[in-house]
């Protein structure tokens, strides 16, 4: 499988249907192929957020968000 062919499975939060999402659509919201409910955006790579974007990103996410915090020495 080539990198361009990478597909992720995103379950629908409403009906549980497994939806195939191509890696090229990362960060974009989609719709369930079964019930047409909104699918959460897929993020497989880290996203850099700052104090002005963190709260809005986390509050808008319908799924858990993993965060890593660090501070310079």
Protein backbone atom coordinates (compact mmCIF):
# COMPACT_ATOMS: atom_id res chain seq x y z
CA UNK A 1 0.00 0.00 0.00
CA UNK A 2 1.43 3.36 -0.98
CA UNK A 3 1.33 6.38 1.36
CA UNK A 4 -1.28 7.99 -0.90
CA UNK A 5 -3.52 4.94 -0.42
CA UNK A 6 -3.54 5.10 3.39
CA UNK A 7 -7.06 4.86 4.79
CA UNK A 8 -8.20 5.25 8.39
CA UNK A 9 -11.37 3.86 9.92
CA UNK A 10 -13.44 6.47 11.78
CA UNK A 11 -16.49 5.19 13.67
CA UNK A 12 -19.66 7.25 13.55
CA UNK A 13 -20.53 8.64 16.97
CA UNK A 14 -24.26 8.28 16.22
CA UNK A 15 -24.72 4.85 14.57
CA UNK A 16 -21.32 3.19 15.07
CA UNK A 17 -20.70 2.56 11.36
CA UNK A 18 -17.03 2.23 10.44
CA UNK A 19 -16.23 4.87 7.81
CA UNK A 20 -13.13 4.77 5.62
CA UNK A 21 -11.34 8.13 5.56
CA UNK A 22 -8.35 8.64 3.25
CA UNK A 23 -5.26 10.13 4.88
CA UNK A 24 -5.38 12.96 2.35
CA UNK A 25 -8.54 14.24 4.12
CA UNK A 26 -6.82 14.64 7.49
CA UNK A 27 -8.24 17.50 9.55
CA UNK A 28 -11.45 17.69 7.54
CA UNK A 29 -14.85 16.81 8.97
CA UNK A 30 -16.88 14.31 6.98
CA UNK A 31 -20.26 12.62 7.00
CA UNK A 32 -21.17 9.07 7.90
CA UNK A 33 -21.93 6.94 4.86
CA UNK A 34 -24.82 5.28 6.70
CA UNK A 35 -26.72 7.90 8.73
CA UNK A 36 -25.08 11.06 7.29
CA UNK A 37 -24.18 12.39 10.76
CA UNK A 38 -21.11 14.60 11.01
CA UNK A 39 -17.86 12.71 11.57
CA UNK A 40 -15.17 14.29 13.74
CA UNK A 41 -12.10 15.55 11.89
CA UNK A 42 -9.32 12.97 11.80
CA UNK A 43 -5.96 14.08 13.20
CA UNK A 44 -3.14 11.53 13.08
CA UNK A 45 -0.27 13.97 13.34
CA UNK A 46 0.38 16.42 16.20
CA UNK A 47 -1.10 19.89 15.87
CA UNK A 48 0.64 22.85 17.43
CA UNK A 49 -1.79 25.00 19.37
CA UNK A 50 -1.18 28.15 21.39
CA UNK A 51 -3.05 29.91 24.17
CA UNK A 52 -5.42 31.54 21.68
CA UNK A 53 -6.33 28.33 19.80
CA UNK A 54 -6.19 25.60 22.46
CA UNK A 55 -9.56 26.15 24.17
CA UNK A 56 -11.53 26.46 20.95
CA UNK A 57 -9.92 23.32 19.48
CA UNK A 58 -10.53 21.20 22.58
CA UNK A 59 -14.07 22.51 23.14
CA UNK A 60 -15.04 21.86 19.51
CA UNK A 61 -13.74 18.28 19.50
CA UNK A 62 -16.46 15.65 19.94
CA UNK A 63 -13.80 13.05 20.82
CA UNK A 64 -11.09 13.02 23.52
CA UNK A 65 -7.99 15.12 22.86
CA UNK A 66 -4.52 14.10 23.99
CA UNK A 67 -2.33 17.09 24.87
CA UNK A 68 1.36 17.32 25.62
CA UNK A 69 2.61 20.40 27.42
CA UNK A 70 6.19 21.53 27.69
CA UNK A 71 8.09 24.59 28.77
CA UNK A 72 11.52 25.80 27.74
CA UNK A 73 14.24 25.68 30.37
